[in-house]
Amino acid sequence: MHPSSAQIIDLYERHAQAWDRERGRSLFERTWLDRFQAVTGPGVSLLDLGCGSGEPIARHLIACGHRLTGVDSAPSLIGLCRRRFPDHDWIVGDMRRLDLGARFDGIVAWDSFFHLTGDDQRAMFPLFRSHAAPGAALLFTSGPSDGEAIGRFQDEPLYHASLSPDAYRGLLADNGFEVLEHVAEDPDCGGHTVWLARRTQ
């Protein structure tokens, strides 16, 4: 495990303004968000894990009529969300210790879950389940194969990890989720590897 895995929260907090400034607003994720909403149905409660500054994904989902609860470990990013979308719920918290006492009709972990170590990712699936209402949709991004990768942000190492596709399929099934779609390195979504699942049990 690379030492940078322990620095993710601090890195995003220290560079919150730069991240918000540089985060693309083109909504290249829209096709997947549309597929996600086709599962959730209109105007439902959604949980955005690693919501960042709320731009552009939370803004888009709010504009579509959903009720958002966003969770992020960086207080400065949650502060931006609260200023931009004061009528929704924004929580400073670590997704690895999630216990909101509520269930949601959809859960999004876009470009956030993959900053966790492999062991922490495995431990997230029961938390997904405990926060998912029956029939809820789950949308998340991962790497294309098992391993760790170190990117750069603001000239600092930025940790990413992934399990294998078979491991994700097994974890989803073990926690009552059915895989609806999975595309590795989707060329129509900036090369993201995307999973869309639904809670069936």
Protein backbone atom coordinates (compact mmCIF):
# COMPACT_ATOMS: atom_id res chain seq x y z
CA MET A 1 0.00 0.00 0.00
CA HIS A 2 1.46 3.33 -1.06
CA PRO A 3 1.90 5.88 1.78
CA SER A 4 -0.12 8.44 -0.20
CA SER A 5 -3.27 6.39 0.53
CA ALA A 6 -3.32 7.93 4.01
CA GLN A 7 -3.05 11.48 2.67
CA ILE A 8 -6.18 11.69 0.49
CA ILE A 9 -8.38 13.59 2.93
CA ASP A 10 -5.69 16.12 3.80
CA LEU A 11 -4.77 16.63 0.14
CA TYR A 12 -8.33 17.45 -0.90
CA GLU A 13 -8.81 19.76 2.06
CA ARG A 14 -5.61 21.69 1.41
CA HIS A 15 -6.34 22.02 -2.30
CA ALA A 16 -10.14 22.36 -2.17
CA GLN A 17 -10.26 25.66 -4.07
CA ALA A 18 -7.88 24.43 -6.75
CA TRP A 19 -9.83 21.21 -7.17
CA ASP A 20 -13.10 23.09 -7.50
CA ARG A 21 -11.56 25.48 -9.99
CA GLU A 22 -10.09 22.71 -12.14
CA ARG A 23 -12.99 20.25 -11.96
CA GLY A 24 -14.55 20.05 -15.40
CA ARG A 25 -18.16 21.19 -15.73
CA SER A 26 -18.83 19.62 -19.13
CA LEU A 27 -20.83 16.77 -17.51
CA PHE A 28 -19.23 14.05 -19.62
CA GLU A 29 -20.82 11.71 -17.04
CA ARG A 30 -24.32 12.58 -18.17
CA THR A 31 -25.05 9.35 -20.07
CA TRP A 32 -24.30 7.31 -16.97
CA LEU A 33 -26.26 9.68 -14.74
CA ASP A 34 -29.21 9.27 -17.09
CA ARG A 35 -28.94 5.48 -16.85
CA PHE A 36 -28.73 5.78 -13.08
CA GLN A 37 -31.85 7.94 -12.93
CA ALA A 38 -33.72 5.52 -15.18
CA VAL A 39 -33.29 3.01 -12.35
CA THR A 40 -34.02 5.36 -9.44
CA GLY A 41 -37.05 7.02 -10.98
CA PRO A 42 -37.77 10.75 -10.73
CA GLY A 43 -37.57 13.00 -7.70
CA VAL A 44 -36.10 10.56 -5.18
CA SER A 45 -33.58 10.74 -2.35
CA LEU A 46 -29.97 10.28 -3.41
CA LEU A 47 -26.71 9.83 -1.51
CA ASP A 48 -23.57 11.29 -3.11
CA LEU A 49 -20.45 9.82 -1.51
CA GLY A 50 -17.36 11.90 -2.08
CA CYS A 51 -19.52 14.71 -3.40
CA GLY A 52 -16.64 17.19 -3.63
CA SER A 53 -17.85 20.73 -4.25
CA GLY A 54 -21.16 19.60 -5.75
CA GLU A 55 -20.09 20.53 -9.26
CA PRO A 56 -21.17 19.26 -11.71
CA ILE A 57 -22.80 15.98 -10.60
CA ALA A 58 -24.81 17.08 -7.56
CA ARG A 59 -25.91 20.23 -9.39
CA HIS A 60 -27.21 18.14 -12.27
CA LEU A 61 -29.06 15.68 -10.03
CA ILE A 62 -30.61 18.52 -8.01
CA ALA A 63 -31.72 20.20 -11.25
CA CYS A 64 -33.39 16.92 -12.21
CA GLY A 65 -35.54 17.19 -9.08
CA HIS A 66 -33.81 14.86 -6.63
CA ARG A 67 -33.19 15.38 -2.93
CA LEU A 68 -29.45 15.19 -2.28
CA THR A 69 -27.45 14.16 0.75
CA GLY A 70 -23.76 14.67 0.08
CA VAL A 71 -20.88 13.30 2.13
CA ASP A 72 -17.26 14.36 1.79
CA SER A 73 -14.30 14.21 4.14
CA ALA A 74 -13.00 17.68 3.19
CA PRO A 75 -14.78 20.42 5.20
CA SER A 76 -13.88 23.10 2.65
CA LEU A 77 -15.58 21.17 -0.16
CA ILE A 78 -18.69 20.61 1.95
CA GLY A 79 -18.67 24.34 2.67
CA LEU A 80 -18.89 25.04 -1.06
CA CYS A 81 -21.82 22.62 -1.36
CA ARG A 82 -23.67 24.29 1.50
CA ARG A 83 -23.26 27.71 -0.06
CA ARG A 84 -24.32 26.54 -3.51
CA PHE A 85 -27.19 24.26 -2.54
CA PRO A 86 -28.39 25.30 0.94
CA ASP A 87 -31.69 23.43 0.66
CA HIS A 88 -29.97 20.03 0.56
CA ASP A 89 -28.03 18.05 3.18
CA TRP A 90 -24.22 18.17 3.27
CA ILE A 91 -22.19 16.17 5.76
CA VAL A 92 -18.49 16.24 6.60
CA GLY A 93 -17.62 12.59 7.04
CA ASP A 94 -15.50 9.64 6.00
CA MET A 95 -17.45 7.23 3.79
CA ARG A 96 -15.61 4.32 5.41
CA ARG A 97 -17.47 5.02 8.66
CA LEU A 98 -20.82 5.84 7.13
CA ASP A 99 -23.81 5.37 9.43
CA LEU A 100 -26.55 7.83 8.51
CA GLY A 101 -29.48 5.79 9.80
CA ALA A 102 -31.29 6.33 6.51
CA ARG A 103 -31.83 4.55 3.21
CA PHE A 104 -31.69 6.17 -0.19
CA ASP A 105 -33.16 5.38 -3.59
CA GLY A 106 -29.79 5.87 -5.26
CA ILE A 107 -26.13 6.04 -4.24
CA VAL A 108 -23.37 7.66 -6.30
CA ALA A 109 -19.64 7.27 -5.63
CA TRP A 110 -18.14 8.87 -8.72
CA ASP A 111 -14.34 9.32 -8.73
CA SER A 112 -14.25 8.98 -4.95
CA PHE A 113 -14.55 5.34 -3.90
CA PHE A 114 -11.47 4.51 -5.97
CA HIS A 115 -9.26 6.56 -3.61
CA LEU A 116 -9.77 3.88 -0.93
CA THR A 117 -7.43 0.96 -0.44
CA GLY A 118 -8.57 -2.43 -1.65
CA ASP A 119 -9.47 -3.57 1.86
CA ASP A 120 -11.42 -0.38 2.52
CA GLN A 121 -13.26 -0.82 -0.77
CA ARG A 122 -14.31 -4.34 0.19
CA ALA A 123 -15.64 -3.01 3.50
CA MET A 124 -17.77 -0.40 1.69
CA PHE A 125 -20.19 -2.86 0.14
CA PRO A 126 -22.08 -3.65 3.37
CA LEU A 127 -22.29 0.12 3.91
CA PHE A 128 -23.73 0.56 0.42
CA ARG A 129 -26.31 -2.07 1.27
CA SER A 130 -27.22 -0.58 4.65
CA HIS A 131 -27.91 2.80 3.01
CA ALA A 132 -29.75 1.44 -0.04
CA ALA A 133 -33.52 1.15 -0.12
CA PRO A 134 -34.97 -1.90 -1.88
CA GLY A 135 -34.52 -1.40 -5.61
CA ALA A 136 -31.99 1.41 -5.12
CA ALA A 137 -29.44 2.14 -7.83
CA LEU A 138 -25.69 2.19 -7.13
CA LEU A 139 -23.32 4.01 -9.49
CA PHE A 140 -19.56 4.01 -8.92
CA THR A 141 -16.26 4.22 -10.76
CA SER A 142 -13.29 1.93 -10.30
CA GLY A 143 -10.09 1.01 -12.07
CA PRO A 144 -10.19 -1.52 -14.92
CA SER A 145 -8.23 -4.20 -13.05
CA ASP A 146 -6.76 -5.12 -9.67
CA GLY A 147 -3.95 -2.87 -8.49
CA GLU A 148 -2.84 0.55 -7.29
CA ALA A 149 -2.07 3.66 -9.34
CA ILE A 150 -0.54 6.95 -8.27
CA GLY A 151 -1.62 10.06 -10.11
CA ARG A 152 -0.65 13.67 -9.41
CA PHE A 153 -2.64 16.67 -8.21
CA GLN A 154 -1.05 20.01 -7.35
CA ASP A 155 2.29 18.23 -7.76
CA GLU A 156 1.48 15.76 -4.98
CA PRO A 157 0.86 12.01 -5.26
CA LEU A 158 -2.82 11.08 -5.56
CA TYR A 159 -3.64 7.50 -4.65
CA HIS A 160 -6.08 5.24 -6.51
CA ALA A 161 -6.80 1.54 -6.12
CA SER A 162 -9.02 -1.02 -7.74
CA LEU A 163 -10.15 -4.58 -7.25
CA SER A 164 -10.67 -6.94 -10.15
CA PRO A 165 -13.97 -6.96 -12.03
CA ASP A 166 -14.72 -10.43 -10.65
CA ALA A 167 -14.12 -9.18 -7.10
CA TYR A 168 -16.55 -6.31 -7.58
CA ARG A 169 -19.15 -8.64 -9.06
CA GLY A 170 -18.78 -10.97 -6.10
CA LEU A 171 -19.03 -8.17 -3.53
CA LEU A 172 -22.09 -6.74 -5.23
CA ALA A 173 -23.80 -10.14 -5.35
CA ASP A 174 -22.90 -10.93 -1.74
CA ASN A 175 -24.54 -7.68 -0.65
CA GLY A 176 -27.72 -8.07 -2.65
CA PHE A 177 -26.89 -6.02 -5.75
CA GLU A 178 -27.39 -7.03 -9.37
CA VAL A 179 -24.98 -5.60 -11.95
CA LEU A 180 -26.96 -3.79 -14.64
CA GLU A 181 -24.06 -2.35 -16.64
CA HIS A 182 -20.28 -2.36 -16.45
CA VAL A 183 -17.99 -0.70 -18.96
CA ALA A 184 -14.22 -0.74 -18.57
CA GLU A 185 -12.46 2.44 -19.69
CA ASP A 186 -15.58 3.75 -21.40
CA PRO A 187 -14.39 5.79 -24.41
CA ASP A 188 -17.59 7.86 -24.27
CA CYS A 189 -16.94 8.83 -20.65
CA GLY A 190 -13.36 10.00 -20.56
CA GLY A 191 -12.00 6.49 -20.13
CA HIS A 192 -13.79 5.92 -16.83
CA THR A 193 -14.55 2.39 -15.68
CA VAL A 194 -18.16 2.50 -14.53
CA TRP A 195 -20.51 0.19 -12.63
CA LEU A 196 -24.28 0.51 -12.40
CA ALA A 197 -26.07 -1.91 -10.08
CA ARG A 198 -29.42 -2.24 -8.35
CA ARG A 199 -30.27 -3.64 -4.93
CA THR A 200 -32.47 -6.67 -5.45
CA GLN A 201 -32.33 -8.34 -2.03
